[in-house]
Amino acid sequence: MAGKKAGAKKKTLVDTSQRQQQMAIVTVDTCLKCPAVCTRGAAYMEKMSKPGSIGYGVPCILRRK
């Protein structure tokens, strides 16, 4: 008996408008140049102004990918 072969699954296409946006990670030099300072950026700049502080960046709301 010849059975039916399993066909390939159809991939669902994701609309680009439904894709979740990601925020870019920016450093303190980018935050200093920004004309619209957000609360997260202001707190990060204050933290980085202390001597010996190490920062890895902060997600920027204004720079979405």
C-alpha atoms as a PDB file:
ATOM      1  CA  MET A   1       0.000   0.000   0.000  1.00  0.00           C
ATOM      2  CA  ALA A   2       1.240   3.383  -0.889  1.00  0.00           C
ATOM      3  CA  GLY A   3       0.641   5.925   1.838  1.00  0.00           C
ATOM      4  CA  LYS A   4       0.634   9.647   1.499  1.00  0.00           C
ATOM      5  CA  LYS A   5       3.926  11.373   2.089  1.00  0.00           C
ATOM      6  CA  ALA A   6       4.030  14.167   4.593  1.00  0.00           C
ATOM      7  CA  GLY A   7       4.272  17.443   2.762  1.00  0.00           C
ATOM      8  CA  ALA A   8       6.489  20.297   3.802  1.00  0.00           C
ATOM      9  CA  LYS A   9       4.993  22.661   6.338  1.00  0.00           C
ATOM     10  CA  LYS A  10       4.072  26.041   5.014  1.00  0.00           C
ATOM     11  CA  LYS A  11       5.957  28.821   6.732  1.00  0.00           C
ATOM     12  CA  THR A  12       3.852  31.646   8.016  1.00  0.00           C
ATOM     13  CA  LEU A  13       5.032  34.983   6.739  1.00  0.00           C
ATOM     14  CA  VAL A  14       5.461  37.617   9.418  1.00  0.00           C
ATOM     15  CA  ASP A  15       4.388  41.080   8.402  1.00  0.00           C
ATOM     16  CA  THR A  16       7.093  43.694   8.960  1.00  0.00           C
ATOM     17  CA  SER A  17       4.614  45.980  10.704  1.00  0.00           C
ATOM     18  CA  GLN A  18       3.980  43.282  13.330  1.00  0.00           C
ATOM     19  CA  ARG A  19       7.665  42.690  14.046  1.00  0.00           C
ATOM     20  CA  GLN A  20       8.777  43.894  17.462  1.00  0.00           C
ATOM     21  CA  GLN A  21      11.201  46.783  17.357  1.00  0.00           C
ATOM     22  CA  GLN A  22      14.466  46.665  19.239  1.00  0.00           C
ATOM     23  CA  MET A  23      16.201  49.600  20.857  1.00  0.00           C
ATOM     24  CA  ALA A  24      19.807  50.414  20.038  1.00  0.00           C
ATOM     25  CA  ILE A  25      22.365  50.365  22.845  1.00  0.00           C
ATOM     26  CA  VAL A  26      24.070  53.754  23.098  1.00  0.00           C
ATOM     27  CA  THR A  27      27.000  54.975  25.171  1.00  0.00           C
ATOM     28  CA  VAL A  28      27.346  58.171  27.156  1.00  0.00           C
ATOM     29  CA  ASP A  29      28.839  60.150  24.264  1.00  0.00           C
ATOM     30  CA  THR A  30      25.665  59.584  22.241  1.00  0.00           C
ATOM     31  CA  CYS A  31      23.500  60.577  25.217  1.00  0.00           C
ATOM     32  CA  LEU A  32      25.442  63.828  25.587  1.00  0.00           C
ATOM     33  CA  LYS A  33      24.707  64.763  21.949  1.00  0.00           C
ATOM     34  CA  CYS A  34      21.016  63.905  22.183  1.00  0.00           C
ATOM     35  CA  PRO A  35      18.696  66.966  22.131  1.00  0.00           C
ATOM     36  CA  ALA A  36      15.850  65.124  23.931  1.00  0.00           C
ATOM     37  CA  VAL A  37      17.330  63.700  27.124  1.00  0.00           C
ATOM     38  CA  CYS A  38      15.215  60.878  28.570  1.00  0.00           C
ATOM     39  CA  THR A  39      15.195  59.876  32.246  1.00  0.00           C
ATOM     40  CA  ARG A  40      17.100  56.660  31.548  1.00  0.00           C
ATOM     41  CA  GLY A  41      19.787  58.561  29.626  1.00  0.00           C
ATOM     42  CA  ALA A  42      20.060  61.240  32.315  1.00  0.00           C
ATOM     43  CA  ALA A  43      20.553  58.613  35.032  1.00  0.00           C
ATOM     44  CA  TYR A  44      23.173  56.863  32.890  1.00  0.00           C
ATOM     45  CA  MET A  45      25.058  60.130  32.261  1.00  0.00           C
ATOM     46  CA  GLU A  46      25.054  60.885  35.992  1.00  0.00           C
ATOM     47  CA  LYS A  47      26.381  57.399  36.767  1.00  0.00           C
ATOM     48  CA  MET A  48      29.123  57.700  34.146  1.00  0.00           C
ATOM     49  CA  SER A  49      30.231  61.154  35.354  1.00  0.00           C
ATOM     50  CA  LYS A  50      31.732  59.596  38.491  1.00  0.00           C
ATOM     51  CA  PRO A  51      35.438  58.739  38.175  1.00  0.00           C
ATOM     52  CA  GLY A  52      36.229  55.060  37.672  1.00  0.00           C
ATOM     53  CA  SER A  53      32.751  54.080  36.545  1.00  0.00           C
ATOM     54  CA  ILE A  54      32.344  51.384  33.914  1.00  0.00           C
ATOM     55  CA  GLY A  55      29.359  51.471  31.588  1.00  0.00           C
ATOM     56  CA  TYR A  56      28.123  49.125  28.913  1.00  0.00           C
ATOM     57  CA  GLY A  57      25.532  51.413  27.371  1.00  0.00           C
ATOM     58  CA  VAL A  58      21.843  52.010  27.817  1.00  0.00           C
ATOM     59  CA  PRO A  59      18.885  51.184  25.507  1.00  0.00           C
ATOM     60  CA  CYS A  60      17.789  54.337  23.690  1.00  0.00           C
ATOM     61  CA  ILE A  61      14.077  54.883  23.114  1.00  0.00           C
ATOM     62  CA  LEU A  62      14.723  57.345  20.295  1.00  0.00           C
ATOM     63  CA  ARG A  63      16.957  55.004  18.257  1.00  0.00           C
ATOM     64  CA  ARG A  64      14.812  52.036  17.308  1.00  0.00           C
ATOM     65  CA  LYS A  65      15.956  49.406  14.863  1.00  0.00           C
END
